[in-house]
Structures are given as C-alpha cells and as structure tokens.
Amino acid sequence: MLNLKGPCEIHGRFSRCKDAPVGICVWCGRRFCSSHGERLPDGSEVCARENCVAKKLDVAAHVIYKDAAMDRNRGEGYPCGLEGCTSAFETQCSRCRAYFCRNHLEVHEDTVTEEGMPFRRPTTLCKHCWVRRPIWARD
C-alpha cells in the first residue's frame, strides 16, 4: 500500500493544504486531498498540479491519435497514419508505433531510456509525438 501518511502536498503560492490525502499522483508522486486531485475510473490518481493535469490530458488525446493512426494503417494499400494522406506507409514512429510515409516522419535527436540509462540518439518521430515531448520533460 502506498503511504498516505501526512498532509496533502499540493499547495498554492502562499498557502499549504493541511487536509488528509486521498491519493498519490501517478505523475509526480505527491499526496493529494479531494480538493487537489482526482481518482479516475481506471484507478489512476492525478493531482491538480498544472504539469500533471497536462500529462493526463495529453495521454487521453494521444490514445485517440494513436488508435486512429493505427486504424488507418490497416486500410487497403497500407496507408500513412496521417489523416488525409493517401501515400503508403514506409516507416514507423518510435513513440506511437504507428506507420507513416516519409513525408510525415522526421528524424530528431531525442532522449531515450534503455535498461534504465537515458541517452540521446537520432529517432524517427511523427509530428504529433515530436510536439508533445515538452509536456513529458516537465516535472
């Protein structure tokens, strides 16, 4: 069981919340009370910090994007995962794992973690995955 001892760890600029926690944020690991976070139907718990809410919203949008791109990949002629593109796919995005034509993938220097060690390397990403990276770089 996770440690819910101690007060809520979410606070404003000039105040601290002293309410009893009801959950621990899946993104930052802070305890939060019922006023400073939510327990989602899937069992995950997310605090009200701006960065954590942004991650929660990004995950929801990303799942929709990824599912739609992969559904398009299953079409006749193996089309690019980008909506409206009629080219056949040629390579895979290393983040969302959907397939795209060469016009809709780019090689970027990205930080990846393998066997617990982060390092930078060139990686192939669709635009959607490239632009969402800053959300995940925040604490």
Protein backbone atom coordinates (compact mmCIF):
# COMPACT_ATOMS: atom_id res chain seq x y z
CA MET A 1 0.00 0.00 0.00
CA LEU A 2 1.18 3.50 -0.79
CA ASN A 3 1.99 5.85 2.06
CA LEU A 4 -0.87 8.31 2.62
CA LYS A 5 0.52 9.50 5.96
CA GLY A 6 0.98 13.22 6.24
CA PRO A 7 -0.98 16.10 4.75
CA CYS A 8 -1.81 16.93 1.16
CA GLU A 9 1.37 18.01 -0.66
CA ILE A 10 -0.32 20.26 -3.22
CA HIS A 11 -0.31 23.91 -2.35
CA GLY A 12 -0.68 27.39 -3.75
CA ARG A 13 1.98 30.03 -3.95
CA PHE A 14 1.38 31.33 -0.42
CA SER A 15 -0.57 28.56 1.30
CA ARG A 16 -0.23 24.92 2.27
CA CYS A 17 -3.10 22.47 2.36
CA LYS A 18 -3.38 20.51 5.59
CA ASP A 19 -6.20 18.18 4.51
CA ALA A 20 -5.84 14.40 4.63
CA PRO A 21 -4.72 12.84 1.34
CA VAL A 22 -6.97 10.54 -0.67
CA GLY A 23 -4.45 9.57 -3.33
CA ILE A 24 -0.93 9.74 -4.70
CA CYS A 25 -0.36 11.30 -8.12
CA VAL A 26 0.70 8.82 -10.77
CA TRP A 27 2.87 11.51 -12.43
CA CYS A 28 4.66 13.33 -9.60
CA GLY A 29 4.19 11.01 -6.63
CA ARG A 30 2.76 13.72 -4.35
CA ARG A 31 -0.07 13.05 -1.92
CA PHE A 32 -3.26 14.99 -2.63
CA CYS A 33 -6.59 15.63 -0.91
CA SER A 34 -10.01 15.50 -2.58
CA SER A 35 -9.77 19.23 -3.39
CA HIS A 36 -6.36 18.94 -5.09
CA GLY A 37 -6.71 15.93 -7.33
CA GLU A 38 -8.91 13.18 -8.62
CA ARG A 39 -9.17 9.44 -8.64
CA LEU A 40 -10.06 8.35 -12.17
CA PRO A 41 -12.37 5.48 -13.13
CA ASP A 42 -9.39 3.48 -14.45
CA GLY A 43 -7.87 3.55 -10.96
CA SER A 44 -5.19 6.14 -11.65
CA GLU A 45 -4.81 9.14 -9.37
CA VAL A 46 -3.82 12.58 -10.66
CA CYS A 47 -3.13 15.69 -8.62
CA ALA A 48 -4.23 19.18 -9.66
CA ARG A 49 -0.72 20.48 -10.45
CA GLU A 50 -0.60 22.07 -13.90
CA ASN A 51 2.06 19.68 -15.23
CA CYS A 52 0.21 16.59 -14.02
CA VAL A 53 -3.12 17.74 -15.45
CA ALA A 54 -1.36 18.44 -18.78
CA LYS A 55 0.00 14.88 -18.79
CA LYS A 56 -3.42 13.43 -18.01
CA LEU A 57 -4.99 15.38 -20.90
CA ASP A 58 -2.11 14.52 -23.24
CA VAL A 59 -2.43 10.79 -22.57
CA ALA A 60 -6.14 10.89 -23.42
CA ALA A 61 -5.52 12.79 -26.68
CA HIS A 62 -2.54 10.59 -27.56
CA VAL A 63 -4.52 7.36 -27.22
CA ILE A 64 -7.17 8.72 -29.62
CA TYR A 65 -4.48 9.85 -32.10
CA LYS A 66 -2.56 6.58 -31.90
CA ASP A 67 -5.66 4.39 -32.32
CA ALA A 68 -6.82 6.43 -35.34
CA ALA A 69 -3.37 6.28 -37.00
CA MET A 70 -3.14 2.52 -36.47
CA ASP A 71 -6.68 2.04 -37.80
CA ARG A 72 -5.69 3.94 -40.96
CA ASN A 73 -2.57 1.74 -41.26
CA ARG A 74 -4.85 -1.30 -41.59
CA GLY A 75 -6.54 0.13 -44.68
CA GLU A 76 -6.16 -1.14 -48.21
CA GLY A 77 -2.68 -0.39 -49.56
CA TYR A 78 -1.26 0.21 -46.08
CA PRO A 79 -1.85 3.97 -45.98
CA CYS A 80 0.11 6.51 -43.98
CA GLY A 81 -1.26 7.02 -40.47
CA LEU A 82 -1.84 10.76 -41.01
CA GLU A 83 -5.46 11.54 -41.76
CA GLY A 84 -5.95 12.65 -45.36
CA CYS A 85 -2.62 11.30 -46.66
CA THR A 86 -3.01 8.77 -49.47
CA SER A 87 0.63 7.64 -49.61
CA ALA A 88 1.59 4.16 -48.45
CA PHE A 89 3.43 3.97 -45.16
CA GLU A 90 7.16 3.38 -45.21
CA THR A 91 8.44 3.58 -41.63
CA GLN A 92 7.32 3.61 -38.01
CA CYS A 93 7.21 6.36 -35.39
CA SER A 94 9.36 5.27 -32.48
CA ARG A 95 6.93 6.77 -29.93
CA CYS A 96 3.36 5.99 -31.02
CA ARG A 97 4.42 2.95 -33.11
CA ALA A 98 2.07 3.88 -35.98
CA TYR A 99 3.39 3.81 -39.55
CA PHE A 100 3.74 6.85 -41.80
CA CYS A 101 5.05 7.83 -45.22
CA ARG A 102 8.43 9.55 -45.37
CA ASN A 103 6.78 12.97 -45.69
CA HIS A 104 5.13 12.62 -42.28
CA LEU A 105 8.06 11.36 -40.24
CA GLU A 106 11.22 13.21 -39.28
CA VAL A 107 14.47 12.18 -37.66
CA HIS A 108 15.12 14.12 -34.45
CA GLU A 109 17.72 13.88 -31.71
CA ASP A 110 15.75 12.53 -28.76
CA THR A 111 16.44 11.24 -25.26
CA VAL A 112 15.54 7.58 -24.85
CA THR A 113 15.93 5.31 -21.86
CA GLU A 114 17.18 1.78 -22.31
CA GLU A 115 17.94 -0.51 -19.38
CA GLY A 116 17.40 2.43 -17.02
CA MET A 117 20.00 4.66 -18.69
CA PRO A 118 18.95 7.82 -20.56
CA PHE A 119 20.91 8.82 -23.66
CA ARG A 120 20.43 10.92 -26.79
CA ARG A 121 20.15 9.36 -30.21
CA PRO A 122 18.52 10.04 -33.57
CA THR A 123 14.97 8.71 -33.62
CA THR A 124 12.10 8.76 -36.08
CA LEU A 125 9.01 10.63 -34.89
CA CYS A 126 5.71 11.77 -36.34
CA LYS A 127 4.84 15.43 -35.76
CA HIS A 128 2.26 14.58 -33.08
CA CYS A 129 4.84 12.74 -30.97
CA TRP A 130 7.51 15.39 -31.52
CA VAL A 131 5.36 18.31 -30.36
CA ARG A 132 4.11 16.53 -27.22
CA ARG A 133 7.61 15.83 -25.85
CA PRO A 134 7.88 19.08 -23.80
CA ILE A 135 4.89 18.05 -21.68
CA TRP A 136 6.74 14.92 -20.59
CA ALA A 137 10.02 16.74 -19.93
CA ARG A 138 8.38 18.77 -17.13
CA ASP A 139 8.36 17.64 -13.51
